[in-house]
């Protein structure tokens, strides 16, 4: 029973990481110097 909330937390953390990576990619596209 404890596996479900744990997997949900992992999924949310993965979504946060992916959003951060997308923001970094956008920043790199806007500022190629970085």
PDB file of N, CA and C in Angstrom:
ATOM      1  N   UNK A   1       0.840  -1.208   0.000  1.00  0.00           N
ATOM      2  CA  UNK A   1       0.000   0.000   0.000  1.00  0.00           C
ATOM      3  C   UNK A   1       0.878   1.262   0.000  1.00  0.00           C
ATOM      4  N   UNK A   2       2.071   1.132   0.562  1.00  0.00           N
ATOM      5  CA  UNK A   2       2.946   2.312   0.660  1.00  0.00           C
ATOM      6  C   UNK A   2       3.663   2.615  -0.656  1.00  0.00           C
ATOM      7  N   UNK A   3       3.600   1.695  -1.618  1.00  0.00           N
ATOM      8  CA  UNK A   3       4.328   1.917  -2.876  1.00  0.00           C
ATOM      9  C   UNK A   3       3.668   3.007  -3.717  1.00  0.00           C
ATOM     10  N   UNK A   4       2.355   3.125  -3.627  1.00  0.00           N
ATOM     11  CA  UNK A   4       1.667   4.088  -4.501  1.00  0.00           C
ATOM     12  C   UNK A   4       2.046   5.535  -4.199  1.00  0.00           C
ATOM     13  N   UNK A   5       1.949   6.017  -2.932  1.00  0.00           N
ATOM     14  CA  UNK A   5       2.324   7.410  -2.651  1.00  0.00           C
ATOM     15  C   UNK A   5       3.804   7.666  -2.938  1.00  0.00           C
ATOM     16  N   UNK A   6       4.628   6.663  -2.715  1.00  0.00           N
ATOM     17  CA  UNK A   6       6.056   6.840  -2.991  1.00  0.00           C
ATOM     18  C   UNK A   6       6.280   7.050  -4.485  1.00  0.00           C
ATOM     19  N   UNK A   7       5.612   6.243  -5.317  1.00  0.00           N
ATOM     20  CA  UNK A   7       5.771   6.392  -6.767  1.00  0.00           C
ATOM     21  C   UNK A   7       5.203   7.734  -7.224  1.00  0.00           C
ATOM     22  N   UNK A   8       4.135   8.195  -6.564  1.00  0.00           N
ATOM     23  CA  UNK A   8       3.554   9.494  -6.922  1.00  0.00           C
ATOM     24  C   UNK A   8       4.551  10.604  -6.609  1.00  0.00           C
ATOM     25  N   UNK A   9       5.238  10.492  -5.466  1.00  0.00           N
ATOM     26  CA  UNK A   9       6.237  11.512  -5.120  1.00  0.00           C
ATOM     27  C   UNK A   9       7.381  11.492  -6.117  1.00  0.00           C
ATOM     28  N   UNK A  10       7.789  10.295  -6.532  1.00  0.00           N
ATOM     29  CA  UNK A  10       8.874  10.187  -7.513  1.00  0.00           C
ATOM     30  C   UNK A  10       8.435  10.801  -8.842  1.00  0.00           C
ATOM     31  N   UNK A  11       7.186  10.545  -9.233  1.00  0.00           N
ATOM     32  CA  UNK A  11       6.686  11.089 -10.496  1.00  0.00           C
ATOM     33  C   UNK A  11       6.667  12.614 -10.451  1.00  0.00           C
ATOM     34  N   UNK A  12       6.218  13.176  -9.321  1.00  0.00           N
ATOM     35  CA  UNK A  12       6.178  14.632  -9.207  1.00  0.00           C
ATOM     36  C   UNK A  12       7.595  15.196  -9.232  1.00  0.00           C
ATOM     37  N   UNK A  13       8.548  14.531  -8.577  1.00  0.00           N
ATOM     38  CA  UNK A  13       9.929  15.022  -8.580  1.00  0.00           C
ATOM     39  C   UNK A  13      10.500  14.955  -9.997  1.00  0.00           C
ATOM     40  N   UNK A  14      10.172  13.892 -10.748  1.00  0.00           N
ATOM     41  CA  UNK A  14      10.654  13.781 -12.129  1.00  0.00           C
ATOM     42  C   UNK A  14      10.058  14.905 -12.981  1.00  0.00           C
ATOM     43  N   UNK A  15       8.777  15.220 -12.754  1.00  0.00           N
ATOM     44  CA  UNK A  15       8.157  16.306 -13.516  1.00  0.00           C
ATOM     45  C   UNK A  15       8.842  17.628 -13.196  1.00  0.00           C
ATOM     46  N   UNK A  16       9.157  17.862 -11.905  1.00  0.00           N
ATOM     47  CA  UNK A  16       9.842  19.102 -11.536  1.00  0.00           C
ATOM     48  C   UNK A  16      11.207  19.167 -12.198  1.00  0.00           C
ATOM     49  N   UNK A  17      11.935  18.047 -12.208  1.00  0.00           N
ATOM     50  CA  UNK A  17      13.265  18.030 -12.827  1.00  0.00           C
ATOM     51  C   UNK A  17      13.153  18.307 -14.325  1.00  0.00           C
ATOM     52  N   UNK A  18      12.165  17.702 -14.970  1.00  0.00           N
ATOM     53  CA  UNK A  18      12.015  17.904 -16.412  1.00  0.00           C
ATOM     54  C   UNK A  18      11.669  19.361 -16.711  1.00  0.00           C
ATOM     55  N   UNK A  19      10.831  19.970 -15.862  1.00  0.00           N
ATOM     56  CA  UNK A  19      10.475  21.379 -16.073  1.00  0.00           C
ATOM     57  C   UNK A  19      11.717  22.253 -15.927  1.00  0.00           C
ATOM     58  N   UNK A  20      12.555  21.947 -14.943  1.00  0.00           N
ATOM     59  CA  UNK A  20      13.788  22.723 -14.744  1.00  0.00           C
ATOM     60  C   UNK A  20      14.700  22.550 -15.958  1.00  0.00           C
ATOM     61  N   UNK A  21      14.795  21.326 -16.477  1.00  0.00           N
ATOM     62  CA  UNK A  21      15.643  21.098 -17.658  1.00  0.00           C
ATOM     63  C   UNK A  21      15.121  21.873 -18.858  1.00  0.00           C
ATOM     64  N   UNK A  22      13.793  21.922 -19.024  1.00  0.00           N
ATOM     65  CA  UNK A  22      13.215  22.675 -20.148  1.00  0.00           C
ATOM     66  C   UNK A  22      13.540  24.155 -19.994  1.00  0.00           C
ATOM     67  N   UNK A  23      13.450  24.672 -18.765  1.00  0.00           N
ATOM     68  CA  UNK A  23      13.768  26.087 -18.546  1.00  0.00           C
ATOM     69  C   UNK A  23      15.239  26.349 -18.863  1.00  0.00           C
ATOM     70  N   UNK A  24      16.103  25.434 -18.470  1.00  0.00           N
ATOM     71  CA  UNK A  24      17.531  25.613 -18.767  1.00  0.00           C
ATOM     72  C   UNK A  24      17.771  25.605 -20.271  1.00  0.00           C
ATOM     73  N   UNK A  25      17.096  24.726 -20.982  1.00  0.00           N
ATOM     74  CA  UNK A  25      17.262  24.668 -22.438  1.00  0.00           C
ATOM     75  C   UNK A  25      16.778  25.968 -23.074  1.00  0.00           C
ATOM     76  N   UNK A  26      15.650  26.488 -22.594  1.00  0.00           N
ATOM     77  CA  UNK A  26      15.145  27.746 -23.141  1.00  0.00           C
ATOM     78  C   UNK A  26      16.123  28.877 -22.862  1.00  0.00           C
ATOM     79  N   UNK A  27      16.689  28.894 -21.652  1.00  0.00           N
ATOM     80  CA  UNK A  27      17.672  29.931 -21.332  1.00  0.00           C
ATOM     81  C   UNK A  27      18.882  29.815 -22.249  1.00  0.00           C
ATOM     82  N   UNK A  28      19.319  28.583 -22.531  1.00  0.00           N
ATOM     83  CA  UNK A  28      20.471  28.398 -23.418  1.00  0.00           C
ATOM     84  C   UNK A  28      20.144  28.851 -24.832  1.00  0.00           C
ATOM     85  N   UNK A  29      18.893  28.650 -25.255  1.00  0.00           N
ATOM     86  CA  UNK A  29      18.513  29.089 -26.598  1.00  0.00           C
ATOM     87  C   UNK A  29      18.480  30.613 -26.663  1.00  0.00           C
ATOM     88  N   UNK A  30      18.003  31.249 -25.568  1.00  0.00           N
ATOM     89  CA  UNK A  30      17.922  32.714 -25.558  1.00  0.00           C
ATOM     90  C   UNK A  30      19.307  33.317 -25.353  1.00  0.00           C
ATOM     91  N   UNK A  31      20.110  32.699 -24.468  1.00  0.00           N
ATOM     92  CA  UNK A  31      21.451  33.209 -24.182  1.00  0.00           C
ATOM     93  C   UNK A  31      22.487  32.162 -24.576  1.00  0.00           C
ATOM     94  N   UNK A  32      22.914  32.135 -25.830  1.00  0.00           N
ATOM     95  CA  UNK A  32      23.878  31.118 -26.283  1.00  0.00           C
ATOM     96  C   UNK A  32      25.216  31.225 -25.571  1.00  0.00           C
ATOM     97  N   UNK A  33      25.511  32.380 -24.969  1.00  0.00           N
ATOM     98  CA  UNK A  33      26.803  32.555 -24.295  1.00  0.00           C
ATOM     99  C   UNK A  33      26.907  31.581 -23.124  1.00  0.00           C
ATOM    100  N   UNK A  34      25.793  31.355 -22.437  1.00  0.00           N
ATOM    101  CA  UNK A  34      25.825  30.443 -21.293  1.00  0.00           C
ATOM    102  C   UNK A  34      26.000  29.006 -21.793  1.00  0.00           C
TER     103      UNK A  34
END
